[in-house]
Amino acid sequence: ATWEARDNINAGVGEGGFFLATGGETKREPELNATLRAVAAPGAAVARPPADLPAAVWASSAAAVAR
């Protein structure tokens, strides 16, 4: 929305995955609506769904897409 603060939000890819920060002294780094992509390190473990997650939910997630 036009009334929302757009300057004190930041998102990106960190060592352990994605991060999101808002408020205070946070400064926007990627442009709004930018696509962020994390690439697994060579030899990284394959993502596994939580044991109690329905298979249909996992199948619709980005983690289930073969890369």
C-alpha atoms as a PDB file:
ATOM      1  CA  ALA A   1       0.000   0.000   0.000  1.00  0.00           C
ATOM      2  CA  THR A   2       1.159   3.550  -0.608  1.00  0.00           C
ATOM      3  CA  TRP A   3       0.942   4.372   3.130  1.00  0.00           C
ATOM      4  CA  GLU A   4       3.304   1.567   4.201  1.00  0.00           C
ATOM      5  CA  ALA A   5       6.906   2.247   5.201  1.00  0.00           C
ATOM      6  CA  ARG A   6       9.175   0.912   2.461  1.00  0.00           C
ATOM      7  CA  ASP A   7      12.580   2.148   3.522  1.00  0.00           C
ATOM      8  CA  ASN A   8      13.162   0.221   6.754  1.00  0.00           C
ATOM      9  CA  ILE A   9      12.725  -3.322   5.489  1.00  0.00           C
ATOM     10  CA  ASN A  10      15.436  -5.694   4.361  1.00  0.00           C
ATOM     11  CA  ALA A  11      15.551  -9.300   3.222  1.00  0.00           C
ATOM     12  CA  GLY A  12      18.232 -11.529   1.822  1.00  0.00           C
ATOM     13  CA  VAL A  13      20.050 -14.815   1.890  1.00  0.00           C
ATOM     14  CA  GLY A  14      22.274 -15.522   4.881  1.00  0.00           C
ATOM     15  CA  GLU A  15      24.499 -18.418   5.818  1.00  0.00           C
ATOM     16  CA  GLY A  16      21.641 -20.471   7.265  1.00  0.00           C
ATOM     17  CA  GLY A  17      18.862 -19.470   4.868  1.00  0.00           C
ATOM     18  CA  PHE A  18      16.692 -16.433   4.287  1.00  0.00           C
ATOM     19  CA  PHE A  19      16.271 -13.488   6.648  1.00  0.00           C
ATOM     20  CA  LEU A  20      13.766 -10.669   7.011  1.00  0.00           C
ATOM     21  CA  ALA A  21      14.305  -7.520   9.082  1.00  0.00           C
ATOM     22  CA  THR A  22      11.925  -4.596   9.571  1.00  0.00           C
ATOM     23  CA  GLY A  23      11.762  -1.377  11.553  1.00  0.00           C
ATOM     24  CA  GLY A  24      14.189   0.901  13.309  1.00  0.00           C
ATOM     25  CA  GLU A  25      17.512   1.510  11.586  1.00  0.00           C
ATOM     26  CA  THR A  26      16.993  -1.292   9.047  1.00  0.00           C
ATOM     27  CA  LYS A  27      17.875  -0.170   5.526  1.00  0.00           C
ATOM     28  CA  ARG A  28      16.396  -1.644   2.344  1.00  0.00           C
ATOM     29  CA  GLU A  29      19.007  -3.410   0.244  1.00  0.00           C
ATOM     30  CA  PRO A  30      17.290  -5.427  -2.480  1.00  0.00           C
ATOM     31  CA  GLU A  31      14.587  -3.640  -4.414  1.00  0.00           C
ATOM     32  CA  LEU A  32      11.019  -4.359  -3.358  1.00  0.00           C
ATOM     33  CA  ASN A  33       9.621  -7.394  -5.202  1.00  0.00           C
ATOM     34  CA  ALA A  34      13.144  -8.676  -5.933  1.00  0.00           C
ATOM     35  CA  THR A  35      13.550 -12.447  -6.209  1.00  0.00           C
ATOM     36  CA  LEU A  36      15.907 -13.974  -3.659  1.00  0.00           C
ATOM     37  CA  ARG A  37      17.502 -17.343  -4.344  1.00  0.00           C
ATOM     38  CA  ALA A  38      19.480 -19.497  -1.973  1.00  0.00           C
ATOM     39  CA  VAL A  39      21.795 -22.103  -3.441  1.00  0.00           C
ATOM     40  CA  ALA A  40      22.710 -25.153  -1.395  1.00  0.00           C
ATOM     41  CA  ALA A  41      26.406 -25.641  -0.730  1.00  0.00           C
ATOM     42  CA  PRO A  42      28.010 -28.681  -2.363  1.00  0.00           C
ATOM     43  CA  GLY A  43      27.425 -31.700  -0.170  1.00  0.00           C
ATOM     44  CA  ALA A  44      24.587 -30.027   1.757  1.00  0.00           C
ATOM     45  CA  ALA A  45      21.897 -32.287   3.161  1.00  0.00           C
ATOM     46  CA  VAL A  46      18.745 -32.728   1.113  1.00  0.00           C
ATOM     47  CA  ALA A  47      15.712 -30.995   2.604  1.00  0.00           C
ATOM     48  CA  ARG A  48      13.311 -33.370   4.315  1.00  0.00           C
ATOM     49  CA  PRO A  49       9.756 -32.552   5.370  1.00  0.00           C
ATOM     50  CA  PRO A  50       8.781 -32.603   9.038  1.00  0.00           C
ATOM     51  CA  ALA A  51       7.325 -36.001   9.978  1.00  0.00           C
ATOM     52  CA  ASP A  52       3.884 -34.523  10.767  1.00  0.00           C
ATOM     53  CA  LEU A  53       3.561 -32.427   7.581  1.00  0.00           C
ATOM     54  CA  PRO A  54       0.946 -33.752   5.121  1.00  0.00           C
ATOM     55  CA  ALA A  55       2.588 -34.979   1.911  1.00  0.00           C
ATOM     56  CA  ALA A  56       0.399 -32.710  -0.250  1.00  0.00           C
ATOM     57  CA  VAL A  57       1.678 -29.624   1.568  1.00  0.00           C
ATOM     58  CA  TRP A  58       5.316 -30.653   1.102  1.00  0.00           C
ATOM     59  CA  ALA A  59       4.722 -31.488  -2.561  1.00  0.00           C
ATOM     60  CA  SER A  60       3.481 -27.942  -3.170  1.00  0.00           C
ATOM     61  CA  SER A  61       6.489 -26.303  -1.502  1.00  0.00           C
ATOM     62  CA  ALA A  62       9.608 -24.931  -3.162  1.00  0.00           C
ATOM     63  CA  ALA A  63      11.735 -27.353  -1.135  1.00  0.00           C
ATOM     64  CA  ALA A  64      10.146 -30.284  -2.926  1.00  0.00           C
ATOM     65  CA  VAL A  65      11.117 -28.992  -6.386  1.00  0.00           C
ATOM     66  CA  ALA A  66      14.105 -30.859  -7.817  1.00  0.00           C
ATOM     67  CA  ARG A  67      17.053 -28.611  -8.606  1.00  0.00           C
END
